[in-house]
C-alpha atoms as a PDB file:
ATOM      1  CA  UNK A   1     149.087 202.918 -15.214  1.00  0.00           C
ATOM      2  CA  UNK A   2     147.907 199.670 -16.580  1.00  0.00           C
ATOM      3  CA  UNK A   3     144.183 198.921 -15.906  1.00  0.00           C
ATOM      4  CA  UNK A   4     142.701 195.412 -15.781  1.00  0.00           C
ATOM      5  CA  UNK A   5     139.628 194.635 -17.890  1.00  0.00           C
ATOM      6  CA  UNK A   6     137.266 194.966 -14.859  1.00  0.00           C
ATOM      7  CA  UNK A   7     138.838 198.426 -14.018  1.00  0.00           C
ATOM      8  CA  UNK A   8     138.577 199.639 -17.572  1.00  0.00           C
ATOM      9  CA  UNK A   9     134.806 198.600 -17.606  1.00  0.00           C
ATOM     10  CA  UNK A  10     134.372 200.344 -14.178  1.00  0.00           C
ATOM     11  CA  UNK A  11     135.788 203.520 -15.583  1.00  0.00           C
ATOM     12  CA  UNK A  12     133.520 203.346 -18.476  1.00  0.00           C
ATOM     13  CA  UNK A  13     130.591 202.794 -16.241  1.00  0.00           C
ATOM     14  CA  UNK A  14     131.554 205.797 -14.150  1.00  0.00           C
ATOM     15  CA  UNK A  15     131.927 207.882 -17.372  1.00  0.00           C
ATOM     16  CA  UNK A  16     128.402 206.840 -18.518  1.00  0.00           C
ATOM     17  CA  UNK A  17     126.779 207.579 -15.205  1.00  0.00           C
ATOM     18  CA  UNK A  18     128.599 211.087 -15.128  1.00  0.00           C
ATOM     19  CA  UNK A  19     127.383 211.765 -18.684  1.00  0.00           C
ATOM     20  CA  UNK A  20     123.752 210.993 -17.929  1.00  0.00           C
ATOM     21  CA  UNK A  21     124.051 213.153 -14.900  1.00  0.00           C
ATOM     22  CA  UNK A  22     125.553 216.030 -16.747  1.00  0.00           C
ATOM     23  CA  UNK A  23     122.927 215.830 -19.381  1.00  0.00           C
ATOM     24  CA  UNK A  24     119.898 215.674 -16.784  1.00  0.00           C
ATOM     25  CA  UNK A  25     121.418 218.534 -14.801  1.00  0.00           C
ATOM     26  CA  UNK A  26     121.712 220.744 -17.913  1.00  0.00           C
ATOM     27  CA  UNK A  27     118.186 219.839 -19.138  1.00  0.00           C
ATOM     28  CA  UNK A  28     116.851 220.635 -15.392  1.00  0.00           C
ATOM     29  CA  UNK A  29     118.456 224.057 -15.377  1.00  0.00           C
ATOM     30  CA  UNK A  30     116.149 224.966 -18.371  1.00  0.00           C
ATOM     31  CA  UNK A  31     113.015 223.972 -16.419  1.00  0.00           C
ATOM     32  CA  UNK A  32     113.792 225.091 -12.706  1.00  0.00           C
ATOM     33  CA  UNK A  33     112.943 228.430 -11.520  1.00  0.00           C
ATOM     34  CA  UNK A  34     114.260 228.294  -7.869  1.00  0.00           C
ATOM     35  CA  UNK A  35     117.629 230.029  -7.806  1.00  0.00           C
ATOM     36  CA  UNK A  36     118.829 227.607  -4.825  1.00  0.00           C
ATOM     37  CA  UNK A  37     118.145 224.589  -6.995  1.00  0.00           C
ATOM     38  CA  UNK A  38     119.689 226.123 -10.062  1.00  0.00           C
ATOM     39  CA  UNK A  39     122.889 226.716  -8.182  1.00  0.00           C
ATOM     40  CA  UNK A  40     122.941 222.926  -6.853  1.00  0.00           C
ATOM     41  CA  UNK A  41     122.497 221.950 -10.554  1.00  0.00           C
ATOM     42  CA  UNK A  42     125.129 224.238 -11.826  1.00  0.00           C
ATOM     43  CA  UNK A  43     127.464 222.789  -9.253  1.00  0.00           C
ATOM     44  CA  UNK A  44     126.568 219.153 -10.459  1.00  0.00           C
ATOM     45  CA  UNK A  45     127.400 220.286 -14.030  1.00  0.00           C
ATOM     46  CA  UNK A  46     130.692 221.626 -12.940  1.00  0.00           C
ATOM     47  CA  UNK A  47     131.497 218.592 -10.815  1.00  0.00           C
ATOM     48  CA  UNK A  48     130.366 216.107 -13.563  1.00  0.00           C
ATOM     49  CA  UNK A  49     132.425 217.957 -16.204  1.00  0.00           C
ATOM     50  CA  UNK A  50     135.422 217.810 -14.049  1.00  0.00           C
ATOM     51  CA  UNK A  51     134.923 214.079 -13.265  1.00  0.00           C
ATOM     52  CA  UNK A  52     134.624 213.345 -16.961  1.00  0.00           C
ATOM     53  CA  UNK A  53     137.770 215.027 -17.870  1.00  0.00           C
ATOM     54  CA  UNK A  54     139.593 213.106 -15.105  1.00  0.00           C
ATOM     55  CA  UNK A  55     138.068 209.944 -16.281  1.00  0.00           C
ATOM     56  CA  UNK A  56     139.097 210.692 -19.842  1.00  0.00           C
ATOM     57  CA  UNK A  57     142.798 211.256 -18.602  1.00  0.00           C
ATOM     58  CA  UNK A  58     142.859 207.895 -16.869  1.00  0.00           C
ATOM     59  CA  UNK A  59     141.533 205.976 -19.950  1.00  0.00           C
ATOM     60  CA  UNK A  60     144.062 207.886 -22.072  1.00  0.00           C
ATOM     61  CA  UNK A  61     146.950 207.165 -20.026  1.00  0.00           C
ATOM     62  CA  UNK A  62     145.799 203.475 -19.826  1.00  0.00           C
ATOM     63  CA  UNK A  63     145.548 203.239 -23.459  1.00  0.00           C
ATOM     64  CA  UNK A  64     148.899 204.950 -24.002  1.00  0.00           C
ATOM     65  CA  UNK A  65     150.599 202.424 -21.861  1.00  0.00           C
ATOM     66  CA  UNK A  66     148.811 199.380 -23.456  1.00  0.00           C
ATOM     67  CA  UNK A  67     149.913 200.544 -26.816  1.00  0.00           C
ATOM     68  CA  UNK A  68     153.527 200.922 -25.569  1.00  0.00           C
ATOM     69  CA  UNK A  69     153.765 197.365 -24.736  1.00  0.00           C
END
């Protein structure tokens, strides 16, 4: 999978957003006392972590193909 420059930048932007979201949700988990809200934050942490792994895989595949040229 070869990514164009603008696609690479978009993937990096999505990864940055998810990283910020993950950090914020982890910090909020320490401060929140409502169990319902904690569960929402835990789900956000799981989804952000999964998304970051997927974005990392996309970038690694694109980099491997670029190096193979």
